[in-house]
Amino acid sequence: MTKVYKVNAFVQNNKGGNPAGVVINSENLTCGDMQKIAHHMGFSETAFILPSKQADFHIRFFTPNKEVNLCGHATIASFHLLLEQKHINPGSYTMETKAGVLQIECTINGMIYMQQNLPQFCEKIPKNEIAPCLQLNNDDFPYDIQVVSTGLRKIFAPISNLQILESIVPNHDAIIEVSKKYSVTGIYCFTLDVKQCTSRCRNFAPLVGIFEDSATGTSAAALSCYLVHHRLQEVKENTIFTFEQGYSIEQPSLLQTRVCVHSNEIKRVEVAGSALTRDCIDFVVQGG
């Protein structure tokens, strides 16, 4: 019997957030077991915490239909649970993932900071390839549409204003095809047309079983780098960005990122948030 916790990451005033499954003691589970649990839970990602020979923890991430290299909100959820159950104390830790070994900082007030890989700025995609995916017009995109990665490749699509962002009706079949073409997990739409934060965002990744989720940590980190790279935000040596997500699916979430820049080069990227444990279920793996 395996205990699977439901933990909402990137909560705002202990509300909303993006739910993730978390399994703390996963060393006796096979890859097939992990996929079965993730499919059953149905969250955008479920995290499985394992021992590591090269870091403090090894964490594997599964969507309902495949394993992915990294997941921001499931990482925040995992370390929140480890902290809450007193497996760890506030402090700095390392995490082995398929995207590399990353640093985690757990603060005394419950905020979890997760290091990201340095950004890779990849293909720029013609607007007329992305517009049909979102059922928009080419002139609804004010800046370059580009693939960026801080651990996961994602298409970043700037949207002219908040009204257009919230009106998007995604064409999932088209998004799947363009995701396959560019080897990305999906499309991350954002607008800078907001006053209370840096950006409002929406994430569509049907290729990996995520039709829309409420908080996408790795994408928020990569978006921060996009904004710095294209000089769309004023940047200091250490700049904090805040992102809202999940409003369109009534799960409002707040994500924070920290970007360190020196001599116009990005030197470090982190995503941060708080979390709340919601529930725990006992899952029986067939044959286990």
Protein backbone atom coordinates (compact mmCIF):
# COMPACT_ATOMS: atom_id res chain seq x y z
CA MET A 1 0.00 0.00 0.00
CA THR A 2 1.38 3.39 -1.03
CA LYS A 3 0.45 6.70 0.58
CA VAL A 4 -0.15 9.40 -2.02
CA TYR A 5 -0.52 12.97 -0.78
CA LYS A 6 -2.41 15.71 -2.58
CA VAL A 7 -0.50 18.97 -2.13
CA ASN A 8 -1.47 22.28 -3.72
CA ALA A 9 1.59 24.32 -4.72
CA PHE A 10 1.76 28.06 -5.43
CA VAL A 11 -1.28 28.72 -3.25
CA GLN A 12 -2.43 32.29 -2.73
CA ASN A 13 -3.53 32.96 0.87
CA ASN A 14 -3.89 29.18 1.32
CA LYS A 15 -6.33 29.02 -1.59
CA GLY A 16 -6.09 27.88 -5.19
CA GLY A 17 -2.75 26.57 -6.32
CA ASN A 18 -1.90 23.62 -8.53
CA PRO A 19 -2.47 20.14 -7.05
CA ALA A 20 0.29 17.56 -7.30
CA GLY A 21 0.52 14.01 -6.07
CA VAL A 22 3.51 13.29 -3.84
CA VAL A 23 4.83 9.89 -2.74
CA ILE A 24 7.60 10.14 -0.15
CA ASN A 25 8.84 6.53 0.05
CA SER A 26 9.00 5.38 -3.57
CA GLU A 27 12.02 3.09 -3.60
CA ASN A 28 9.92 -0.10 -3.89
CA LEU A 29 7.85 1.18 -6.82
CA THR A 30 8.62 0.26 -10.41
CA CYS A 31 8.40 2.77 -13.24
CA GLY A 32 5.14 1.09 -14.23
CA ASP A 33 3.80 1.48 -10.70
CA MET A 34 4.62 5.19 -10.72
CA GLN A 35 2.88 5.71 -14.04
CA LYS A 36 -0.17 3.78 -12.83
CA ILE A 37 -0.40 5.93 -9.67
CA ALA A 38 0.04 9.17 -11.65
CA HIS A 39 -2.66 8.11 -14.11
CA HIS A 40 -5.03 7.22 -11.27
CA MET A 41 -4.44 10.50 -9.43
CA GLY A 42 -5.04 12.47 -12.63
CA PHE A 43 -3.01 15.52 -11.57
CA SER A 44 -0.86 17.29 -14.13
CA GLU A 45 2.14 15.76 -12.31
CA THR A 46 2.81 13.33 -9.48
CA ALA A 47 6.24 13.33 -7.80
CA PHE A 48 8.01 10.25 -6.47
CA ILE A 49 10.77 10.82 -3.92
CA LEU A 50 13.66 8.35 -3.96
CA PRO A 51 17.13 8.01 -2.40
CA SER A 52 19.99 9.50 -4.41
CA LYS A 53 23.72 8.82 -4.57
CA GLN A 54 24.52 12.27 -5.96
CA ALA A 55 22.03 14.53 -4.16
CA ASP A 56 19.92 14.68 -1.01
CA PHE A 57 16.90 13.35 -2.89
CA HIS A 58 16.05 11.90 -6.29
CA ILE A 59 12.63 12.94 -7.60
CA ARG A 60 10.85 11.55 -10.66
CA PHE A 61 7.84 13.29 -12.20
CA PHE A 62 4.96 11.65 -14.06
CA THR A 63 2.02 13.21 -15.88
CA PRO A 64 -1.04 10.98 -16.33
CA ASN A 65 0.51 9.49 -19.45
CA LYS A 66 4.30 9.91 -19.41
CA GLU A 67 7.39 10.75 -17.35
CA VAL A 68 8.80 14.28 -17.70
CA ASN A 69 12.22 15.62 -16.79
CA LEU A 70 11.14 18.25 -14.29
CA CYS A 71 8.10 19.86 -12.69
CA GLY A 72 8.16 23.06 -10.69
CA HIS A 73 4.90 22.84 -8.77
CA ALA A 74 5.41 19.17 -7.88
CA THR A 75 8.88 20.04 -6.55
CA ILE A 76 7.43 22.81 -4.37
CA ALA A 77 4.79 20.33 -3.18
CA SER A 78 7.39 17.63 -2.44
CA PHE A 79 9.66 19.77 -0.30
CA HIS A 80 6.67 21.33 1.48
CA LEU A 81 5.57 17.81 2.47
CA LEU A 82 9.07 16.76 3.52
CA LEU A 83 9.29 19.89 5.66
CA GLU A 84 5.79 19.48 7.10
CA GLN A 85 6.40 15.85 8.07
CA LYS A 86 9.78 16.76 9.57
CA HIS A 87 11.84 14.63 7.20
CA ILE A 88 13.88 17.82 6.72
CA ASN A 89 14.38 21.16 8.47
CA PRO A 90 14.50 24.63 6.89
CA GLY A 91 17.72 24.88 4.91
CA SER A 92 19.35 24.11 1.56
CA TYR A 93 19.11 20.78 -0.25
CA THR A 94 19.94 19.21 -3.59
CA MET A 95 17.57 17.30 -5.86
CA GLU A 96 18.51 14.83 -8.60
CA THR A 97 16.18 15.00 -11.61
CA LYS A 98 16.32 14.03 -15.27
CA ALA A 99 17.05 17.73 -15.91
CA GLY A 100 20.14 17.57 -13.68
CA VAL A 101 20.95 18.19 -10.02
CA LEU A 102 19.21 21.33 -8.75
CA GLN A 103 19.35 23.29 -5.50
CA ILE A 104 16.34 23.78 -3.23
CA GLU A 105 15.99 26.27 -0.40
CA CYS A 106 13.31 25.75 2.27
CA THR A 107 12.70 28.84 4.36
CA ILE A 108 11.41 28.99 7.91
CA ASN A 109 8.21 30.69 6.72
CA GLY A 110 7.37 27.82 4.34
CA MET A 111 8.50 29.32 1.03
CA ILE A 112 10.30 26.84 -1.21
CA TYR A 113 12.87 28.16 -3.72
CA MET A 114 13.79 25.87 -6.60
CA GLN A 115 16.84 26.42 -8.80
CA GLN A 116 16.30 26.10 -12.54
CA ASN A 117 18.77 25.38 -15.30
CA LEU A 118 20.14 28.45 -17.05
CA PRO A 119 17.87 29.37 -19.96
CA GLN A 120 18.18 28.15 -23.51
CA PHE A 121 16.59 30.44 -26.11
CA CYS A 122 15.61 28.28 -29.05
CA GLU A 123 13.43 28.47 -32.17
CA LYS A 124 11.30 31.49 -32.96
CA ILE A 125 7.99 30.26 -34.34
CA PRO A 126 5.89 32.04 -36.97
CA LYS A 127 2.72 33.54 -35.55
CA ASN A 128 0.59 31.85 -38.18
CA GLU A 129 1.59 28.45 -36.76
CA ILE A 130 0.47 29.28 -33.23
CA ALA A 131 -2.61 31.44 -33.95
CA PRO A 132 -4.78 28.45 -35.02
CA CYS A 133 -3.76 26.55 -31.86
CA LEU A 134 -5.30 29.32 -29.73
CA GLN A 135 -7.99 30.39 -32.22
CA LEU A 136 -6.47 33.88 -32.37
CA ASN A 137 -5.23 36.24 -35.09
CA ASN A 138 -1.59 36.96 -35.89
CA ASP A 139 -1.89 40.54 -34.59
CA ASP A 140 -2.90 39.23 -31.14
CA PHE A 141 0.80 38.43 -30.54
CA PRO A 142 2.77 41.65 -29.84
CA TYR A 143 6.23 40.04 -29.48
CA ASP A 144 8.19 37.05 -30.74
CA ILE A 145 6.82 33.57 -30.11
CA GLN A 146 9.77 31.48 -29.00
CA VAL A 147 10.77 28.14 -27.51
CA VAL A 148 12.59 28.66 -24.20
CA SER A 149 13.78 26.10 -21.65
CA THR A 150 15.07 26.15 -18.08
CA GLY A 151 14.64 22.37 -17.91
CA LEU A 152 11.59 21.79 -20.12
CA ARG A 153 11.10 23.08 -23.66
CA LYS A 154 7.94 25.19 -23.93
CA ILE A 155 6.54 27.60 -26.53
CA PHE A 156 6.06 31.09 -25.06
CA ALA A 157 3.28 33.06 -26.73
CA PRO A 158 2.82 36.73 -25.75
CA ILE A 159 -0.80 37.92 -25.88
CA SER A 160 -1.76 41.55 -26.45
CA ASN A 161 -4.07 42.01 -23.48
CA LEU A 162 -5.82 40.32 -20.58
CA GLN A 163 -9.19 40.15 -22.32
CA ILE A 164 -7.75 38.20 -25.25
CA LEU A 165 -5.76 35.92 -22.93
CA GLU A 166 -8.85 34.98 -20.94
CA SER A 167 -10.91 34.46 -24.10
CA ILE A 168 -8.57 31.80 -25.54
CA VAL A 169 -10.29 28.54 -26.46
CA PRO A 170 -7.41 26.14 -27.13
CA ASN A 171 -7.48 23.76 -30.09
CA HIS A 172 -5.97 20.75 -28.34
CA ASP A 173 -5.36 18.72 -31.51
CA ALA A 174 -3.48 21.62 -33.09
CA ILE A 175 -1.44 22.18 -29.92
CA ILE A 176 -0.49 18.50 -29.86
CA GLU A 177 0.72 18.66 -33.46
CA VAL A 178 2.79 21.80 -32.97
CA SER A 179 4.17 20.38 -29.71
CA LYS A 180 5.35 17.28 -31.55
CA LYS A 181 6.84 19.36 -34.36
CA TYR A 182 8.97 21.46 -32.00
CA SER A 183 9.55 18.78 -29.32
CA VAL A 184 7.96 20.88 -26.58
CA THR A 185 5.55 20.08 -23.76
CA GLY A 186 3.04 22.75 -24.78
CA ILE A 187 2.24 26.45 -25.14
CA TYR A 188 2.54 29.00 -22.30
CA CYS A 189 0.51 32.12 -23.02
CA PHE A 190 1.05 35.35 -21.12
CA THR A 191 0.15 39.01 -21.12
CA LEU A 192 1.94 41.95 -19.54
CA ASP A 193 -1.33 43.90 -19.56
CA VAL A 194 -1.84 43.61 -15.77
CA LYS A 195 -1.10 46.00 -12.92
CA GLN A 196 -0.96 43.87 -9.79
CA CYS A 197 1.81 41.50 -10.95
CA THR A 198 4.38 41.01 -13.69
CA SER A 199 2.18 38.85 -15.90
CA ARG A 200 -1.02 36.76 -16.10
CA CYS A 201 -0.47 33.35 -17.70
CA ARG A 202 -2.21 30.25 -19.07
CA ASN A 203 -0.61 26.87 -19.80
CA PHE A 204 -1.81 24.34 -22.40
CA ALA A 205 0.01 20.99 -22.67
CA PRO A 206 -2.40 18.32 -23.98
CA LEU A 207 0.48 16.29 -25.45
CA VAL A 208 1.44 15.26 -21.90
CA GLY A 209 -2.14 15.06 -20.63
CA ILE A 210 -2.43 18.64 -19.30
CA PHE A 211 -5.30 20.49 -20.98
CA GLU A 212 -4.78 23.49 -18.69
CA ASP A 213 -3.21 23.78 -15.26
CA SER A 214 -3.24 26.44 -12.60
CA ALA A 215 0.46 26.95 -11.82
CA THR A 216 3.48 25.95 -13.91
CA GLY A 217 6.73 26.64 -12.08
CA THR A 218 9.26 25.71 -14.75
CA SER A 219 7.38 27.82 -17.30
CA ALA A 220 7.21 30.83 -14.97
CA ALA A 221 10.98 30.62 -14.56
CA ALA A 222 11.56 30.38 -18.31
CA LEU A 223 9.14 33.26 -18.91
CA SER A 224 11.18 35.41 -16.52
CA CYS A 225 14.22 34.71 -18.66
CA TYR A 226 12.25 35.51 -21.84
CA LEU A 227 11.27 38.90 -20.36
CA VAL A 228 14.89 39.64 -19.41
CA HIS A 229 16.29 38.44 -22.74
CA HIS A 230 13.86 40.55 -24.78
CA ARG A 231 14.19 43.53 -22.40
CA LEU A 232 10.46 43.63 -21.73
CA GLN A 233 10.95 44.30 -18.02
CA GLU A 234 13.32 46.56 -16.10
CA VAL A 235 15.97 44.32 -14.57
CA LYS A 236 18.32 44.80 -11.62
CA GLU A 237 21.07 42.47 -10.45
CA ASN A 238 18.45 40.47 -8.52
CA THR A 239 14.95 40.86 -9.89
CA ILE A 240 11.75 39.35 -8.46
CA PHE A 241 8.90 38.55 -10.86
CA THR A 242 5.37 37.58 -9.82
CA PHE A 243 2.95 35.66 -12.02
CA GLU A 244 -0.74 34.91 -11.74
CA GLN A 245 -2.14 31.75 -13.27
CA GLY A 246 -5.22 29.57 -12.97
CA TYR A 247 -7.83 32.33 -12.96
CA SER A 248 -9.54 30.97 -16.07
CA ILE A 249 -10.11 27.60 -14.35
CA GLU A 250 -11.03 29.13 -10.97
CA GLN A 251 -7.82 28.01 -9.23
CA PRO A 252 -6.00 31.33 -8.77
CA SER A 253 -2.32 30.81 -8.08
CA LEU A 254 0.68 33.02 -7.38
CA LEU A 255 4.19 32.17 -8.54
CA GLN A 256 7.36 34.05 -7.76
CA THR A 257 10.67 33.89 -9.59
CA ARG A 258 14.08 35.34 -8.87
CA VAL A 259 16.53 36.09 -11.69
CA CYS A 260 20.16 37.07 -11.02
CA VAL A 261 21.77 39.08 -13.81
CA HIS A 262 25.39 40.18 -14.07
CA SER A 263 26.92 42.07 -17.03
CA ASN A 264 23.64 41.56 -18.93
CA GLU A 265 23.89 37.77 -18.56
CA ILE A 266 21.49 35.59 -16.60
CA LYS A 267 23.53 33.81 -13.92
CA ARG A 268 20.84 32.11 -11.83
CA VAL A 269 17.10 31.44 -12.04
CA GLU A 270 14.78 30.27 -9.26
CA VAL A 271 11.06 29.73 -8.89
CA ALA A 272 9.39 29.97 -5.49
CA GLY A 273 6.05 29.41 -3.85
CA SER A 274 4.22 28.10 -0.82
CA ALA A 275 2.03 25.01 -0.58
CA LEU A 276 -0.77 23.37 1.38
CA THR A 277 -1.34 19.65 2.00
CA ARG A 278 -4.96 18.82 1.15
CA ASP A 279 -5.42 15.07 1.49
CA CYS A 280 -3.83 11.63 1.56
CA ILE A 281 -5.01 8.36 0.01
CA ASP A 282 -3.80 4.79 0.24
CA PHE A 283 -3.15 3.35 -3.21
CA VAL A 284 -2.81 -0.38 -3.69
CA VAL A 285 -0.46 -1.25 -6.57
CA GLN A 286 -1.73 -4.40 -8.27
CA GLY A 287 0.51 -7.29 -7.36
CA GLY A 288 2.14 -5.22 -4.60
